[in-house]
Protein backbone atom coordinates (compact mmCIF):
# COMPACT_ATOMS: atom_id res chain seq x y z
CA MET A 1 6.32 -25.47 -34.33
CA GLU A 2 7.79 -21.96 -34.58
CA GLY A 3 4.33 -20.38 -34.11
CA TYR A 4 3.84 -22.44 -30.95
CA VAL A 5 7.16 -21.24 -29.50
CA ILE A 6 6.33 -17.60 -30.22
CA THR A 7 2.88 -17.97 -28.66
CA TYR A 8 4.43 -19.64 -25.62
CA LEU A 9 6.97 -16.80 -25.22
CA ILE A 10 4.23 -14.17 -25.50
CA ILE A 11 2.24 -15.93 -22.78
CA GLU A 12 5.33 -16.21 -20.56
CA VAL A 13 6.11 -12.49 -20.93
CA ALA A 14 2.48 -11.62 -20.13
CA MET A 15 2.58 -13.82 -17.04
CA LEU A 16 5.82 -12.19 -15.87
CA ARG A 17 4.25 -8.74 -16.32
CA CYS A 18 1.28 -9.86 -14.20
CA VAL A 19 3.56 -11.18 -11.47
CA LEU A 20 5.62 -7.98 -11.47
CA LEU A 21 2.47 -5.83 -11.33
CA ALA A 22 1.13 -7.87 -8.42
CA LEU A 23 4.44 -7.48 -6.58
CA VAL A 24 4.53 -3.72 -7.10
CA VAL A 25 0.99 -3.30 -5.80
CA ALA A 26 1.20 -5.77 -2.93
CA LEU A 27 4.66 -4.90 -1.70
CA GLY A 28 5.14 -1.32 -2.83
CA SER A 29 8.17 0.09 -4.54
CA ASP A 30 10.30 -0.15 -1.35
CA ALA A 31 10.26 -3.94 -1.52
CA LEU A 32 11.50 -3.98 -5.11
CA ALA A 33 14.28 -1.57 -4.15
CA GLY A 34 15.47 -4.03 -1.50
CA GLU A 35 14.20 -2.10 1.49
CA PRO A 36 13.57 -4.44 4.45
CA HIS A 37 11.12 -2.01 6.08
CA ARG A 38 7.56 -3.37 6.16
CA HIS A 39 5.71 -0.04 6.02
CA HIS A 40 5.76 1.55 2.59
CA GLY A 41 4.49 4.99 3.41
CA PRO A 42 3.93 7.12 6.43
CA HIS A 43 1.97 5.50 9.24
CA VAL A 44 -0.68 8.17 9.71
CA HIS A 45 -3.66 7.55 11.97
CA GLY A 46 -6.95 8.24 10.21
CA GLU A 47 -5.48 7.40 6.80
CA ALA A 48 -5.01 4.33 4.61
CA THR A 49 -3.26 3.63 1.31
CA LEU A 50 -4.63 1.72 -1.67
CA ARG A 51 -2.30 0.64 -4.47
CA ILE A 52 -4.19 -0.20 -7.64
CA GLY A 53 -2.81 -1.97 -10.71
CA LEU A 54 -4.42 -2.99 -13.98
CA ASP A 55 -2.68 -5.03 -16.66
CA GLY A 56 -4.79 -6.82 -19.23
CA GLN A 57 -7.37 -8.83 -17.34
CA LEU A 58 -5.45 -8.64 -14.06
CA PHE A 59 -6.72 -6.06 -11.54
CA VAL A 60 -4.83 -5.92 -8.25
CA VAL A 61 -5.45 -3.96 -5.06
CA GLY A 62 -3.03 -3.50 -2.17
CA LEU A 63 -4.25 -2.03 1.12
CA GLU A 64 -2.23 -0.64 4.03
CA ALA A 65 -4.06 0.78 7.05
CA PRO A 66 -2.85 1.68 10.53
CA GLY A 67 -4.79 -0.10 13.25
CA ALA A 68 -5.94 3.27 14.60
CA SER A 69 -7.58 4.02 11.23
CA VAL A 70 -9.49 0.75 11.26
CA LEU A 71 -10.10 0.05 14.96
CA GLY A 72 -9.32 3.24 16.84
CA PHE A 73 -6.47 1.49 18.71
CA GLU A 74 -3.06 -0.08 18.08
CA HIS A 75 -2.53 -2.71 20.73
CA PRO A 76 -3.70 -6.26 21.33
CA PRO A 77 -7.41 -6.25 22.18
CA ARG A 78 -7.79 -5.68 25.92
CA ASP A 79 -11.36 -6.83 26.41
CA GLU A 80 -14.25 -8.54 24.61
CA THR A 81 -15.43 -5.27 23.02
CA GLU A 82 -12.03 -4.62 21.46
CA ARG A 83 -11.72 -8.30 20.45
CA ALA A 84 -15.09 -8.07 18.69
CA ARG A 85 -14.03 -4.86 16.87
CA TYR A 86 -10.80 -6.53 15.77
CA GLU A 87 -12.60 -9.67 14.53
CA ARG A 88 -15.21 -7.59 12.66
CA ALA A 89 -12.51 -5.45 10.98
CA ALA A 90 -10.51 -8.50 9.93
CA ASP A 91 -13.69 -10.10 8.55
CA VAL A 92 -14.58 -6.97 6.54
CA LEU A 93 -11.08 -6.80 5.07
CA ARG A 94 -11.18 -10.52 4.17
CA HIS A 95 -14.34 -9.82 2.12
CA PRO A 96 -13.51 -7.00 -0.29
CA ASP A 97 -17.04 -7.05 -1.72
CA ARG A 98 -18.03 -5.29 1.53
CA TRP A 99 -15.87 -2.28 0.77
CA LEU A 100 -14.97 -2.37 -2.92
CA SER A 101 -17.59 -1.96 -5.67
CA LEU A 102 -16.41 -2.94 -9.13
CA PRO A 103 -18.72 -2.42 -12.15
CA GLU A 104 -20.62 -5.60 -13.02
CA GLN A 105 -19.96 -5.06 -16.73
CA ALA A 106 -16.22 -5.65 -16.13
CA GLY A 107 -16.93 -9.21 -14.95
CA CYS A 108 -14.22 -9.13 -12.28
CA ILE A 109 -13.84 -12.25 -10.14
CA LEU A 110 -11.73 -12.37 -6.99
CA ASP A 111 -8.92 -14.75 -7.87
CA GLY A 112 -6.97 -14.59 -4.61
CA HIS A 113 -6.42 -12.47 -1.56
CA GLU A 114 -4.50 -12.26 1.69
CA VAL A 115 -5.10 -10.09 4.75
CA THR A 116 -2.61 -9.82 7.59
CA SER A 117 -2.49 -7.83 10.78
CA HIS A 118 0.59 -6.89 12.77
CA GLY A 119 0.93 -5.63 16.32
CA PHE A 120 -2.35 -6.93 17.70
CA GLY A 121 -0.82 -9.87 19.53
CA GLU A 122 -0.65 -12.34 16.63
CA THR A 123 2.46 -11.05 14.86
CA PRO A 124 4.73 -8.54 16.59
CA ALA A 125 5.02 -5.22 14.78
CA PRO A 126 8.51 -3.94 14.07
CA ALA A 127 9.68 -1.32 16.56
CA SER A 128 9.54 2.17 15.15
CA GLY A 129 12.33 3.62 17.26
CA GLY A 130 9.96 5.27 19.72
CA ALA A 131 7.95 4.00 22.66
CA HIS A 132 4.82 3.52 20.53
CA GLU A 133 4.63 0.28 18.58
CA HIS A 134 2.62 0.50 15.39
CA ALA A 135 -0.09 -1.98 14.54
CA ASP A 136 -1.70 -2.28 11.14
CA PHE A 137 -3.61 -4.25 8.56
CA ASP A 138 -2.28 -5.17 5.11
CA GLY A 139 -4.29 -6.72 2.33
CA SER A 140 -3.65 -7.83 -1.22
CA TYR A 141 -6.45 -8.75 -3.61
CA GLN A 142 -6.19 -10.12 -7.13
CA TYR A 143 -9.08 -10.11 -9.63
CA ARG A 144 -9.46 -11.47 -13.15
CA CYS A 145 -11.72 -9.21 -15.22
CA ARG A 146 -13.51 -10.63 -18.26
CA ALA A 147 -14.00 -7.12 -19.76
CA PRO A 148 -11.28 -4.87 -18.29
CA LEU A 149 -12.19 -1.99 -20.63
CA ALA A 150 -15.50 -1.74 -18.73
CA LEU A 151 -13.50 -1.10 -15.55
CA ARG A 152 -13.66 2.69 -16.02
CA SER A 153 -14.05 3.48 -12.32
CA PHE A 154 -14.86 1.83 -9.01
CA GLU A 155 -16.13 2.80 -5.57
CA VAL A 156 -14.28 2.40 -2.27
CA ARG A 157 -16.60 2.04 0.74
CA LEU A 158 -14.01 1.77 3.52
CA PHE A 159 -15.29 4.98 5.16
CA GLU A 160 -18.67 3.28 5.68
CA GLN A 161 -16.96 0.40 7.47
CA PHE A 162 -14.42 2.24 9.64
CA ALA A 163 -15.43 5.44 11.46
CA ASP A 164 -11.83 6.33 12.37
CA LEU A 165 -10.76 6.42 8.71
CA HIS A 166 -10.81 9.95 7.23
CA LYS A 167 -8.55 9.83 4.15
CA ILE A 168 -7.42 7.23 1.62
CA ASN A 169 -4.36 7.80 -0.56
CA VAL A 170 -4.72 5.95 -3.85
CA GLU A 171 -1.74 5.11 -6.07
CA LEU A 172 -2.52 3.91 -9.60
CA VAL A 173 -0.44 1.84 -12.05
CA LEU A 174 -2.48 1.56 -15.26
CA PRO A 175 -1.57 0.47 -18.80
CA ASP A 176 -1.54 4.06 -20.07
CA ARG A 177 -0.47 6.04 -17.00
CA GLN A 178 0.46 6.21 -13.35
CA GLY A 179 -1.10 8.59 -10.88
CA SER A 180 -2.51 9.22 -7.47
CA GLN A 181 -5.64 10.56 -5.88
CA VAL A 182 -7.05 11.23 -2.44
CA LEU A 183 -10.40 9.84 -1.33
CA LEU A 184 -12.45 11.49 1.41
CA PRO A 185 -15.88 10.64 2.84
CA GLY A 186 -18.35 11.66 0.16
CA ALA A 187 -15.68 11.45 -2.61
CA THR A 188 -15.03 7.73 -2.98
CA THR A 189 -14.90 7.09 -6.74
CA VAL A 190 -11.59 6.09 -8.33
CA PRO A 191 -11.59 6.77 -12.10
CA LEU A 192 -9.40 4.45 -14.16
CA SER A 193 -10.06 5.89 -17.62
CA LYS A 194 -9.07 9.37 -18.70
């Protein structure tokens, strides 16, 4: 009976670590510090932020992108052309296999994801204090990887999908380190091993 209790406690602790990791990546450190502000970093047109976490078999990705970086505009679609661009962008972000290439050897399976947009007419964006209201896309993606040690690096193909995106800031939370990196068109590999 004692062995069962210890095993149960180990599993519970591991699950709590996974939940905490997912929260850090999806919400950013501001949310854990009690900050009510929705944006976690600077809202810079032409840029996006990826937060990456790896803990055991859990691989999580958080995405924040200004609407201007994804669509070239930050307002509700005004015509059918803008509506089509918005729908295409949302569809691409709902299907991470279109912009994220994980090594097959790692055996990563998408376990859950959520993509939201703000300021495009569906959900009002919070006022930023100025006349310009920001609009953006946020995504969180959770994978279970059968062989996480094979997840040595991965490719981000967001530049191929969104012409107005010029820079991606990557923040990493890995079992052995934390770090950051900048991706640019032509330099889209994120190494996870040293």
